[in-house]
Amino acid sequence: MKVSKVMTAKEAVAKFIGDGMTVLVGGFFHAIAYDITHEIMRQKKKHLTICTPSFNEHADQMIGSGCVDRIVSSYVWMEVFGPLYSFRRAMEKGIPHKIEMEDYTNFSMMARLVAGALGIPYVPVHSLKGSDMMKYSAWMGDNKVKLMKDPFGSGVEHAVVPALNPDIGYIHAQRSDEEGNFQLWGITGDAPWSMRACKQVIVSVEEIVSREVIGRDPNRTVLPGYKVVAVVEAPYGSHPKNSQGYYNVDRDFIFKYIQESRTEEGWKKFMDEWVYGVADRTEYLKKYIDTFGMKKFMSLKAKDMSSGSVNYGF
């Protein structure tokens, strides 16, 4: 029996994301669900532990909004665009409050999620052995990483990291059916593993399509619908990042955020204008077009470059 899981971002966040949860924020530069992230802030969720192999300005906004107490990741920054100032203010000055960060490498963070997805308690990560990652930890203490002798008798000690199973994860993808069988292409990053590691998943998508469309291209399905609890249709839900085949990265808008967030006052002005001052993604897009013009908005649209077809016949 088909069960529709379609709802608004407001409904999904209110129903499935609670204070104090460990939340996997999916996407690797591409496929980041800003529509869900902004709704979390509008609903003033508190005491969250957010995790992912690498964080950009979406985490910076959550931190500045006071939603986050703890971070588990390898970094929080914006690559060539510059540093993230709300993150720095929280870590260095306790603004809006002090946060903790459990620091892993990209690979060891990914390894924790792989272990979580496979249902095993830990996984070896040889590259951590002898590094300062083993010396320093936040709230996890000695449970951040441990040394374990090879159980097969070689006598070699390996670093092992514990499995990570977030309470819920969310991500933006290109399309899904109403049951939550969603498809992602382009930079899939950690999504195939990290989404499986989560206990529940919210997916926002550019468009909702029929089960038949999903079935005709099954290899693009990142996660079957059995683990997805909500499907949110949100065109341009990943803006200012990109969604492959739909729109490109809005570099000007990202630079705008980086520059304005240098000061606490500038950050608040940006957030009041682009997050708290709009009710949802529809209003956000209308404001963007009113502010920057339709020509700028349309310039983000991806050019048509369809992949070749394959024969799934048998």
C-alpha atoms as a PDB file:
ATOM      1  CA  MET A   1       0.000   0.000   0.000  1.00  0.00           C
ATOM      2  CA  LYS A   2       1.405   3.388  -1.025  1.00  0.00           C
ATOM      3  CA  VAL A   3       1.642   5.924   1.804  1.00  0.00           C
ATOM      4  CA  SER A   4       2.232   9.582   0.950  1.00  0.00           C
ATOM      5  CA  LYS A   5       4.818  11.253   3.186  1.00  0.00           C
ATOM      6  CA  VAL A   6       4.522  14.644   1.502  1.00  0.00           C
ATOM      7  CA  MET A   7       4.310  17.631   3.856  1.00  0.00           C
ATOM      8  CA  THR A   8       5.656  21.158   4.214  1.00  0.00           C
ATOM      9  CA  ALA A   9       9.050  21.961   5.721  1.00  0.00           C
ATOM     10  CA  LYS A  10       7.246  23.565   8.649  1.00  0.00           C
ATOM     11  CA  GLU A  11       5.266  20.386   9.300  1.00  0.00           C
ATOM     12  CA  ALA A  12       8.289  18.093   8.910  1.00  0.00           C
ATOM     13  CA  VAL A  13      10.513  20.046  11.301  1.00  0.00           C
ATOM     14  CA  ALA A  14       7.757  20.433  13.895  1.00  0.00           C
ATOM     15  CA  LYS A  15       6.897  16.736  13.794  1.00  0.00           C
ATOM     16  CA  PHE A  16      10.279  15.043  13.536  1.00  0.00           C
ATOM     17  CA  ILE A  17      13.051  17.325  14.851  1.00  0.00           C
ATOM     18  CA  GLY A  18      13.044  17.823  18.600  1.00  0.00           C
ATOM     19  CA  ASP A  19      15.231  19.742  21.011  1.00  0.00           C
ATOM     20  CA  GLY A  20      18.361  17.870  22.071  1.00  0.00           C
ATOM     21  CA  MET A  21      18.471  15.560  19.052  1.00  0.00           C
ATOM     22  CA  THR A  22      21.577  14.514  17.148  1.00  0.00           C
ATOM     23  CA  VAL A  23      20.927  15.707  13.591  1.00  0.00           C
ATOM     24  CA  LEU A  24      22.841  14.689  10.460  1.00  0.00           C
ATOM     25  CA  VAL A  25      22.872  17.627   8.047  1.00  0.00           C
ATOM     26  CA  GLY A  26      23.334  16.015   4.641  1.00  0.00           C
ATOM     27  CA  GLY A  27      24.960  17.266   1.472  1.00  0.00           C
ATOM     28  CA  PHE A  28      28.530  17.995   0.450  1.00  0.00           C
ATOM     29  CA  PHE A  29      28.495  21.601  -0.837  1.00  0.00           C
ATOM     30  CA  HIS A  30      25.811  20.319  -3.239  1.00  0.00           C
ATOM     31  CA  ALA A  31      22.427  18.999  -2.046  1.00  0.00           C
ATOM     32  CA  ILE A  32      22.252  20.934   1.228  1.00  0.00           C
ATOM     33  CA  ALA A  33      18.663  21.450   2.386  1.00  0.00           C
ATOM     34  CA  TYR A  34      18.596  25.144   3.271  1.00  0.00           C
ATOM     35  CA  ASP A  35      14.806  25.087   3.339  1.00  0.00           C
ATOM     36  CA  ILE A  36      14.904  22.626   6.253  1.00  0.00           C
ATOM     37  CA  THR A  37      17.851  24.367   7.933  1.00  0.00           C
ATOM     38  CA  HIS A  38      16.085  27.725   7.889  1.00  0.00           C
ATOM     39  CA  GLU A  39      12.873  26.187   9.218  1.00  0.00           C
ATOM     40  CA  ILE A  40      14.807  24.680  12.149  1.00  0.00           C
ATOM     41  CA  MET A  41      15.973  28.199  12.993  1.00  0.00           C
ATOM     42  CA  ARG A  42      12.536  29.745  12.578  1.00  0.00           C
ATOM     43  CA  GLN A  43      11.110  27.158  14.982  1.00  0.00           C
ATOM     44  CA  LYS A  44      13.914  27.914  17.462  1.00  0.00           C
ATOM     45  CA  LYS A  45      15.013  24.325  17.991  1.00  0.00           C
ATOM     46  CA  LYS A  46      17.535  24.094  20.840  1.00  0.00           C
ATOM     47  CA  HIS A  47      20.427  22.014  22.187  1.00  0.00           C
ATOM     48  CA  LEU A  48      21.051  20.192  18.917  1.00  0.00           C
ATOM     49  CA  THR A  49      24.141  18.146  18.187  1.00  0.00           C
ATOM     50  CA  ILE A  50      24.750  18.563  14.456  1.00  0.00           C
ATOM     51  CA  CYS A  51      27.023  16.253  12.525  1.00  0.00           C
ATOM     52  CA  THR A  52      28.349  15.667   9.023  1.00  0.00           C
ATOM     53  CA  PRO A  53      31.821  15.101   7.532  1.00  0.00           C
ATOM     54  CA  SER A  54      32.112  18.822   6.608  1.00  0.00           C
ATOM     55  CA  PHE A  55      30.068  21.954   7.364  1.00  0.00           C
ATOM     56  CA  ASN A  56      29.603  25.212   5.456  1.00  0.00           C
ATOM     57  CA  GLU A  57      27.642  28.409   6.159  1.00  0.00           C
ATOM     58  CA  HIS A  58      24.402  26.534   6.873  1.00  0.00           C
ATOM     59  CA  ALA A  59      26.002  25.336  10.122  1.00  0.00           C
ATOM     60  CA  ASP A  60      27.255  28.865  10.796  1.00  0.00           C
ATOM     61  CA  GLN A  61      23.690  30.132  10.601  1.00  0.00           C
ATOM     62  CA  MET A  62      22.409  27.404  12.924  1.00  0.00           C
ATOM     63  CA  ILE A  63      25.175  28.167  15.424  1.00  0.00           C
ATOM     64  CA  GLY A  64      24.516  31.910  15.353  1.00  0.00           C
ATOM     65  CA  SER A  65      20.797  31.261  15.842  1.00  0.00           C
ATOM     66  CA  GLY A  66      21.490  29.446  19.101  1.00  0.00           C
ATOM     67  CA  CYS A  67      20.170  26.091  17.881  1.00  0.00           C
ATOM     68  CA  VAL A  68      23.419  24.182  18.360  1.00  0.00           C
ATOM     69  CA  ASP A  69      25.260  23.031  21.485  1.00  0.00           C
ATOM     70  CA  ARG A  70      27.601  20.478  19.914  1.00  0.00           C
ATOM     71  CA  ILE A  71      29.211  19.757  16.542  1.00  0.00           C
ATOM     72  CA  VAL A  72      30.725  16.499  15.295  1.00  0.00           C
ATOM     73  CA  SER A  73      32.628  17.130  12.076  1.00  0.00           C
ATOM     74  CA  SER A  74      36.004  17.666  10.428  1.00  0.00           C
ATOM     75  CA  TYR A  75      35.589  21.399   9.793  1.00  0.00           C
ATOM     76  CA  VAL A  76      33.254  24.392   9.730  1.00  0.00           C
ATOM     77  CA  TRP A  77      34.338  26.882   7.059  1.00  0.00           C
ATOM     78  CA  MET A  78      33.580  28.112   3.534  1.00  0.00           C
ATOM     79  CA  GLU A  79      36.655  27.075   1.538  1.00  0.00           C
ATOM     80  CA  VAL A  80      37.603  29.824  -0.960  1.00  0.00           C
ATOM     81  CA  PHE A  81      34.762  32.076   0.209  1.00  0.00           C
ATOM     82  CA  GLY A  82      36.306  32.736   3.606  1.00  0.00           C
ATOM     83  CA  PRO A  83      35.938  31.851   7.298  1.00  0.00           C
ATOM     84  CA  LEU A  84      32.643  31.501   9.137  1.00  0.00           C
ATOM     85  CA  TYR A  85      32.287  34.144  11.785  1.00  0.00           C
ATOM     86  CA  SER A  86      29.341  32.916  13.867  1.00  0.00           C
ATOM     87  CA  PHE A  87      31.224  29.669  14.418  1.00  0.00           C
ATOM     88  CA  ARG A  88      34.288  31.620  15.526  1.00  0.00           C
ATOM     89  CA  ARG A  89      32.268  33.889  17.808  1.00  0.00           C
ATOM     90  CA  ALA A  90      30.677  30.870  19.497  1.00  0.00           C
ATOM     91  CA  MET A  91      33.954  28.982  19.943  1.00  0.00           C
ATOM     92  CA  GLU A  92      36.092  31.975  20.951  1.00  0.00           C
ATOM     93  CA  LYS A  93      33.668  34.279  22.782  1.00  0.00           C
ATOM     94  CA  GLY A  94      30.625  32.183  23.650  1.00  0.00           C
ATOM     95  CA  ILE A  95      28.294  34.231  21.392  1.00  0.00           C
ATOM     96  CA  PRO A  96      25.367  33.480  21.439  1.00  0.00           C
ATOM     97  CA  HIS A  97      26.581  30.696  23.745  1.00  0.00           C
ATOM     98  CA  LYS A  98      29.580  28.425  24.080  1.00  0.00           C
ATOM     99  CA  ILE A  99      29.569  25.328  21.888  1.00  0.00           C
ATOM    100  CA  GLU A 100      31.660  22.158  21.846  1.00  0.00           C
ATOM    101  CA  MET A 101      33.180  20.436  18.838  1.00  0.00           C
ATOM    102  CA  GLU A 102      34.258  16.817  18.559  1.00  0.00           C
ATOM    103  CA  ASP A 103      36.894  16.994  15.860  1.00  0.00           C
ATOM    104  CA  TYR A 104      37.452  14.145  13.399  1.00  0.00           C
ATOM    105  CA  THR A 105      39.099  13.941   9.996  1.00  0.00           C
ATOM    106  CA  ASN A 106      36.876  13.787   6.925  1.00  0.00           C
ATOM    107  CA  PHE A 107      37.708  10.119   6.516  1.00  0.00           C
ATOM    108  CA  SER A 108      37.244   9.077  10.144  1.00  0.00           C
ATOM    109  CA  MET A 109      33.937  10.946  10.327  1.00  0.00           C
ATOM    110  CA  MET A 110      32.803   9.105   7.217  1.00  0.00           C
ATOM    111  CA  ALA A 111      33.988   5.838   8.766  1.00  0.00           C
ATOM    112  CA  ARG A 112      31.747   6.417  11.798  1.00  0.00           C
ATOM    113  CA  LEU A 113      28.750   6.824   9.511  1.00  0.00           C
ATOM    114  CA  VAL A 114      29.676   3.742   7.477  1.00  0.00           C
ATOM    115  CA  ALA A 115      29.786   1.731  10.702  1.00  0.00           C
ATOM    116  CA  GLY A 116      26.413   3.160  11.682  1.00  0.00           C
ATOM    117  CA  ALA A 117      24.921   2.279   8.309  1.00  0.00           C
ATOM    118  CA  LEU A 118      26.259  -1.274   8.485  1.00  0.00           C
ATOM    119  CA  GLY A 119      25.001  -1.802  12.025  1.00  0.00           C
ATOM    120  CA  ILE A 120      28.437  -2.576  13.461  1.00  0.00           C
ATOM    121  CA  PRO A 121      29.751  -0.992  16.690  1.00  0.00           C
ATOM    122  CA  TYR A 122      33.063   0.379  15.406  1.00  0.00           C
ATOM    123  CA  VAL A 123      35.401   0.465  12.428  1.00  0.00           C
ATOM    124  CA  PRO A 124      39.226   0.664  12.153  1.00  0.00           C
ATOM    125  CA  VAL A 125      40.747   3.919  10.864  1.00  0.00           C
ATOM    126  CA  HIS A 126      44.469   3.352  10.630  1.00  0.00           C
ATOM    127  CA  SER A 127      45.275   6.958   9.672  1.00  0.00           C
ATOM    128  CA  LEU A 128      44.339   8.313  13.120  1.00  0.00           C
ATOM    129  CA  LYS A 129      47.024   6.299  14.853  1.00  0.00           C
ATOM    130  CA  GLY A 130      49.764   8.560  16.152  1.00  0.00           C
ATOM    131  CA  SER A 131      47.904  11.771  15.298  1.00  0.00           C
ATOM    132  CA  ASP A 132      46.815  14.538  17.664  1.00  0.00           C
ATOM    133  CA  MET A 133      43.219  13.522  16.955  1.00  0.00           C
ATOM    134  CA  MET A 134      43.790  10.801  19.532  1.00  0.00           C
ATOM    135  CA  LYS A 135      45.061  13.248  22.157  1.00  0.00           C
ATOM    136  CA  TYR A 136      42.228  15.741  22.260  1.00  0.00           C
ATOM    137  CA  SER A 137      38.503  15.269  22.694  1.00  0.00           C
ATOM    138  CA  ALA A 138      35.469  17.150  23.960  1.00  0.00           C
ATOM    139  CA  TRP A 139      32.513  15.395  25.604  1.00  0.00           C
ATOM    140  CA  MET A 140      33.327  11.942  24.196  1.00  0.00           C
ATOM    141  CA  GLY A 141      36.529  11.615  26.206  1.00  0.00           C
ATOM    142  CA  ASP A 142      38.255   8.271  25.687  1.00  0.00           C
ATOM    143  CA  ASN A 143      35.337   7.067  23.569  1.00  0.00           C
ATOM    144  CA  LYS A 144      36.277   9.342  20.675  1.00  0.00           C
ATOM    145  CA  VAL A 145      38.854   6.874  19.366  1.00  0.00           C
ATOM    146  CA  LYS A 146      40.512   3.813  20.869  1.00  0.00           C
ATOM    147  CA  LEU A 147      43.416   1.513  20.083  1.00  0.00           C
ATOM    148  CA  MET A 148      42.645  -2.160  19.559  1.00  0.00           C
ATOM    149  CA  LYS A 149      44.922  -5.076  18.776  1.00  0.00           C
ATOM    150  CA  ASP A 150      44.321  -6.944  15.552  1.00  0.00           C
ATOM    151  CA  PRO A 151      41.992  -9.829  16.568  1.00  0.00           C
ATOM    152  CA  PHE A 152      43.560 -12.037  13.879  1.00  0.00           C
ATOM    153  CA  GLY A 153      46.865 -12.336  15.677  1.00  0.00           C
ATOM    154  CA  SER A 154      49.267  -9.951  13.930  1.00  0.00           C
ATOM    155  CA  GLY A 155      49.792  -8.013  17.159  1.00  0.00           C
ATOM    156  CA  VAL A 156      49.373  -4.683  15.350  1.00  0.00           C
ATOM    157  CA  GLU A 157      47.320  -2.018  17.113  1.00  0.00           C
ATOM    158  CA  HIS A 158      44.734  -0.132  15.080  1.00  0.00           C
ATOM    159  CA  ALA A 159      42.753   3.005  15.847  1.00  0.00           C
ATOM    160  CA  VAL A 160      39.005   2.347  15.902  1.00  0.00           C
ATOM    161  CA  VAL A 161      36.137   4.853  15.939  1.00  0.00           C
ATOM    162  CA  PRO A 162      32.583   4.225  17.193  1.00  0.00           C
ATOM    163  CA  ALA A 163      29.554   3.959  14.942  1.00  0.00           C
ATOM    164  CA  LEU A 164      27.391   7.054  14.608  1.00  0.00           C
ATOM    165  CA  ASN A 165      23.612   6.737  14.290  1.00  0.00           C
ATOM    166  CA  PRO A 166      22.009  10.206  14.316  1.00  0.00           C
ATOM    167  CA  ASP A 167      18.437  10.522  15.562  1.00  0.00           C
ATOM    168  CA  ILE A 168      17.455  12.083  12.249  1.00  0.00           C
ATOM    169  CA  GLY A 169      19.077  13.322   9.070  1.00  0.00           C
ATOM    170  CA  TYR A 170      17.964  15.620   6.300  1.00  0.00           C
ATOM    171  CA  ILE A 171      19.173  16.335   2.771  1.00  0.00           C
ATOM    172  CA  HIS A 172      18.094  18.003  -0.462  1.00  0.00           C
ATOM    173  CA  ALA A 173      17.804  15.909  -3.625  1.00  0.00           C
ATOM    174  CA  GLN A 174      16.570  16.319  -7.168  1.00  0.00           C
ATOM    175  CA  ARG A 175      13.474  14.168  -6.984  1.00  0.00           C
ATOM    176  CA  SER A 176      11.448  11.690  -4.965  1.00  0.00           C
ATOM    177  CA  ASP A 177       8.151   9.899  -5.153  1.00  0.00           C
ATOM    178  CA  GLU A 178       5.527  10.453  -2.456  1.00  0.00           C
ATOM    179  CA  GLU A 179       6.781   7.457  -0.472  1.00  0.00           C
ATOM    180  CA  GLY A 180      10.289   8.868  -0.059  1.00  0.00           C
ATOM    181  CA  ASN A 181      12.255   6.840  -2.600  1.00  0.00           C
ATOM    182  CA  PHE A 182      14.546   9.726  -3.494  1.00  0.00           C
ATOM    183  CA  GLN A 183      17.166  10.148  -6.180  1.00  0.00           C
ATOM    184  CA  LEU A 184      20.326  12.227  -6.132  1.00  0.00           C
ATOM    185  CA  TRP A 185      22.926  12.752  -8.823  1.00  0.00           C
ATOM    186  CA  GLY A 186      25.994  14.943  -9.199  1.00  0.00           C
ATOM    187  CA  ILE A 187      28.125  15.119  -6.058  1.00  0.00           C
ATOM    188  CA  THR A 188      26.494  12.477  -3.868  1.00  0.00           C
ATOM    189  CA  GLY A 189      29.309  12.766  -1.320  1.00  0.00           C
ATOM    190  CA  ASP A 190      28.612  10.908   1.895  1.00  0.00           C
ATOM    191  CA  ALA A 191      24.842  10.665   1.277  1.00  0.00           C
ATOM    192  CA  PRO A 192      24.563   6.938   0.423  1.00  0.00           C
ATOM    193  CA  TRP A 193      26.173   6.027   3.751  1.00  0.00           C
ATOM    194  CA  SER A 194      25.225   8.903   6.043  1.00  0.00           C
ATOM    195  CA  MET A 195      21.512   8.731   5.257  1.00  0.00           C
ATOM    196  CA  ARG A 196      21.497   4.990   5.937  1.00  0.00           C
ATOM    197  CA  ALA A 197      23.183   5.604   9.287  1.00  0.00           C
ATOM    198  CA  CYS A 198      20.315   7.848  10.438  1.00  0.00           C
ATOM    199  CA  LYS A 199      17.360   6.441  12.338  1.00  0.00           C
ATOM    200  CA  GLN A 200      14.981   8.616  10.298  1.00  0.00           C
ATOM    201  CA  VAL A 201      15.375  10.896   7.265  1.00  0.00           C
ATOM    202  CA  ILE A 202      13.658  14.025   5.952  1.00  0.00           C
ATOM    203  CA  VAL A 203      14.250  14.760   2.263  1.00  0.00           C
ATOM    204  CA  SER A 204      13.452  17.970   0.451  1.00  0.00           C
ATOM    205  CA  VAL A 205      13.416  17.805  -3.336  1.00  0.00           C
ATOM    206  CA  GLU A 206      13.202  19.915  -6.450  1.00  0.00           C
ATOM    207  CA  GLU A 207      10.191  17.934  -7.614  1.00  0.00           C
ATOM    208  CA  ILE A 208       7.948  15.053  -6.615  1.00  0.00           C
ATOM    209  CA  VAL A 209       7.538  12.483  -9.382  1.00  0.00           C
ATOM    210  CA  SER A 210       5.667   9.217  -9.804  1.00  0.00           C
ATOM    211  CA  ARG A 211       6.900   5.845  -8.582  1.00  0.00           C
ATOM    212  CA  GLU A 212       7.182   4.852 -12.250  1.00  0.00           C
ATOM    213  CA  VAL A 213       9.739   7.614 -12.933  1.00  0.00           C
ATOM    214  CA  ILE A 214      11.841   6.458  -9.980  1.00  0.00           C
ATOM    215  CA  GLY A 215      11.549   2.835 -11.093  1.00  0.00           C
ATOM    216  CA  ARG A 216      12.830   3.564 -14.583  1.00  0.00           C
ATOM    217  CA  ASP A 217      16.188   4.746 -13.208  1.00  0.00           C
ATOM    218  CA  PRO A 218      16.720   2.725 -10.008  1.00  0.00           C
ATOM    219  CA  ASN A 219      20.488   3.214  -9.709  1.00  0.00           C
ATOM    220  CA  ARG A 220      20.024   6.881  -8.836  1.00  0.00           C
ATOM    221  CA  THR A 221      17.945   6.018  -5.770  1.00  0.00           C
ATOM    222  CA  VAL A 222      20.092   6.938  -2.764  1.00  0.00           C
ATOM    223  CA  LEU A 223      17.721   5.666  -0.103  1.00  0.00           C
ATOM    224  CA  PRO A 224      14.554   3.574  -0.288  1.00  0.00           C
ATOM    225  CA  GLY A 225      11.499   5.160   1.238  1.00  0.00           C
ATOM    226  CA  TYR A 226      11.298   2.831   4.250  1.00  0.00           C
ATOM    227  CA  LYS A 227      13.606   5.120   6.260  1.00  0.00           C
ATOM    228  CA  VAL A 228      12.210   8.432   4.995  1.00  0.00           C
ATOM    229  CA  VAL A 229       9.566   9.996   7.245  1.00  0.00           C
ATOM    230  CA  ALA A 230       8.869  13.200   5.295  1.00  0.00           C
ATOM    231  CA  VAL A 231       9.122  14.428   1.701  1.00  0.00           C
ATOM    232  CA  VAL A 232       9.151  18.197   1.182  1.00  0.00           C
ATOM    233  CA  GLU A 233       8.781  19.658  -2.302  1.00  0.00           C
ATOM    234  CA  ALA A 234      11.021  22.731  -2.336  1.00  0.00           C
ATOM    235  CA  PRO A 235      12.223  24.095  -5.679  1.00  0.00           C
ATOM    236  CA  TYR A 236      15.565  25.862  -5.164  1.00  0.00           C
ATOM    237  CA  GLY A 237      15.661  24.322  -1.692  1.00  0.00           C
ATOM    238  CA  SER A 238      19.454  24.078  -1.852  1.00  0.00           C
ATOM    239  CA  HIS A 239      20.055  27.725  -2.807  1.00  0.00           C
ATOM    240  CA  PRO A 240      22.614  29.343  -2.502  1.00  0.00           C
ATOM    241  CA  LYS A 241      24.319  26.009  -3.171  1.00  0.00           C
ATOM    242  CA  ASN A 242      23.518  24.060  -6.311  1.00  0.00           C
ATOM    243  CA  SER A 243      21.299  21.181  -7.316  1.00  0.00           C
ATOM    244  CA  GLN A 244      22.870  19.379 -10.265  1.00  0.00           C
ATOM    245  CA  GLY A 245      20.830  19.824 -13.429  1.00  0.00           C
ATOM    246  CA  TYR A 246      18.556  22.460 -11.881  1.00  0.00           C
ATOM    247  CA  TYR A 247      20.658  25.473 -10.806  1.00  0.00           C
ATOM    248  CA  ASN A 248      24.237  26.463 -10.073  1.00  0.00           C
ATOM    249  CA  VAL A 249      26.019  27.844  -7.007  1.00  0.00           C
ATOM    250  CA  ASP A 250      25.123  31.462  -6.255  1.00  0.00           C
ATOM    251  CA  ARG A 251      28.615  32.687  -5.426  1.00  0.00           C
ATOM    252  CA  ASP A 252      27.549  36.311  -5.078  1.00  0.00           C
ATOM    253  CA  PHE A 253      24.961  35.433  -2.434  1.00  0.00           C
ATOM    254  CA  ILE A 254      27.450  33.329  -0.471  1.00  0.00           C
ATOM    255  CA  PHE A 255      29.977  36.186  -0.525  1.00  0.00           C
ATOM    256  CA  LYS A 256      27.203  38.497   0.646  1.00  0.00           C
ATOM    257  CA  TYR A 257      26.595  36.294   3.680  1.00  0.00           C
ATOM    258  CA  ILE A 258      30.306  35.961   4.489  1.00  0.00           C
ATOM    259  CA  GLN A 259      30.864  39.712   4.331  1.00  0.00           C
ATOM    260  CA  GLU A 260      27.765  40.687   6.302  1.00  0.00           C
ATOM    261  CA  SER A 261      28.357  38.070   9.000  1.00  0.00           C
ATOM    262  CA  ARG A 262      31.773  39.511   9.902  1.00  0.00           C
ATOM    263  CA  THR A 263      30.023  41.392  12.705  1.00  0.00           C
ATOM    264  CA  GLU A 264      27.269  40.175  14.986  1.00  0.00           C
ATOM    265  CA  GLU A 265      25.109  43.119  13.903  1.00  0.00           C
ATOM    266  CA  GLY A 266      25.642  42.364  10.207  1.00  0.00           C
ATOM    267  CA  TRP A 267      24.822  38.702  10.774  1.00  0.00           C
ATOM    268  CA  LYS A 268      21.572  39.590  12.546  1.00  0.00           C
ATOM    269  CA  LYS A 269      20.604  41.941   9.714  1.00  0.00           C
ATOM    270  CA  PHE A 270      21.158  39.199   7.122  1.00  0.00           C
ATOM    271  CA  MET A 271      19.215  36.624   9.121  1.00  0.00           C
ATOM    272  CA  ASP A 272      16.303  38.979   9.811  1.00  0.00           C
ATOM    273  CA  GLU A 273      16.100  39.680   6.103  1.00  0.00           C
ATOM    274  CA  TRP A 274      16.617  36.216   4.573  1.00  0.00           C
ATOM    275  CA  VAL A 275      15.536  33.705   7.242  1.00  0.00           C
ATOM    276  CA  TYR A 276      13.297  35.206   9.923  1.00  0.00           C
ATOM    277  CA  GLY A 277      11.767  37.757   7.571  1.00  0.00           C
ATOM    278  CA  VAL A 278      10.296  35.129   5.235  1.00  0.00           C
ATOM    279  CA  ALA A 279       7.777  32.435   6.112  1.00  0.00           C
ATOM    280  CA  ASP A 280       9.043  29.696   3.822  1.00  0.00           C
ATOM    281  CA  ARG A 281      11.057  28.948   0.682  1.00  0.00           C
ATOM    282  CA  THR A 282       8.377  30.396  -1.598  1.00  0.00           C
ATOM    283  CA  GLU A 283       8.628  33.780   0.121  1.00  0.00           C
ATOM    284  CA  TYR A 284      12.431  33.475   0.128  1.00  0.00           C
ATOM    285  CA  LEU A 285      12.503  33.042  -3.658  1.00  0.00           C
ATOM    286  CA  LYS A 286      10.063  35.911  -4.191  1.00  0.00           C
ATOM    287  CA  LYS A 287      12.249  38.154  -2.053  1.00  0.00           C
ATOM    288  CA  TYR A 288      15.336  37.072  -3.988  1.00  0.00           C
ATOM    289  CA  ILE A 289      13.726  37.978  -7.319  1.00  0.00           C
ATOM    290  CA  ASP A 290      12.388  41.279  -5.944  1.00  0.00           C
ATOM    291  CA  THR A 291      15.857  42.146  -4.598  1.00  0.00           C
ATOM    292  CA  PHE A 292      18.184  40.972  -7.366  1.00  0.00           C
ATOM    293  CA  GLY A 293      15.874  40.718 -10.377  1.00  0.00           C
ATOM    294  CA  MET A 294      14.597  37.920 -12.581  1.00  0.00           C
ATOM    295  CA  LYS A 295      17.653  38.110 -14.849  1.00  0.00           C
ATOM    296  CA  LYS A 296      19.981  37.267 -11.954  1.00  0.00           C
ATOM    297  CA  PHE A 297      17.662  34.508 -10.774  1.00  0.00           C
ATOM    298  CA  MET A 298      17.461  32.933 -14.234  1.00  0.00           C
ATOM    299  CA  SER A 299      21.248  33.128 -14.629  1.00  0.00           C
ATOM    300  CA  LEU A 300      21.514  30.424 -11.951  1.00  0.00           C
ATOM    301  CA  LYS A 301      19.549  27.931 -14.024  1.00  0.00           C
ATOM    302  CA  ALA A 302      21.628  24.943 -15.159  1.00  0.00           C
ATOM    303  CA  LYS A 303      22.099  24.330 -18.862  1.00  0.00           C
ATOM    304  CA  ASP A 304      20.595  21.228 -20.410  1.00  0.00           C
ATOM    305  CA  MET A 305      23.123  18.388 -20.551  1.00  0.00           C
ATOM    306  CA  SER A 306      21.164  15.134 -20.236  1.00  0.00           C
ATOM    307  CA  SER A 307      22.932  11.832 -19.685  1.00  0.00           C
ATOM    308  CA  GLY A 308      22.625   8.996 -22.188  1.00  0.00           C
ATOM    309  CA  SER A 309      19.942   6.375 -21.793  1.00  0.00           C
ATOM    310  CA  VAL A 310      20.558   2.741 -20.868  1.00  0.00           C
ATOM    311  CA  ASN A 311      18.545  -0.425 -21.488  1.00  0.00           C
ATOM    312  CA  TYR A 312      17.214  -2.063 -18.307  1.00  0.00           C
ATOM    313  CA  GLY A 313      15.396  -4.760 -20.257  1.00  0.00           C
ATOM    314  CA  PHE A 314      15.712  -8.462 -19.442  1.00  0.00           C
END
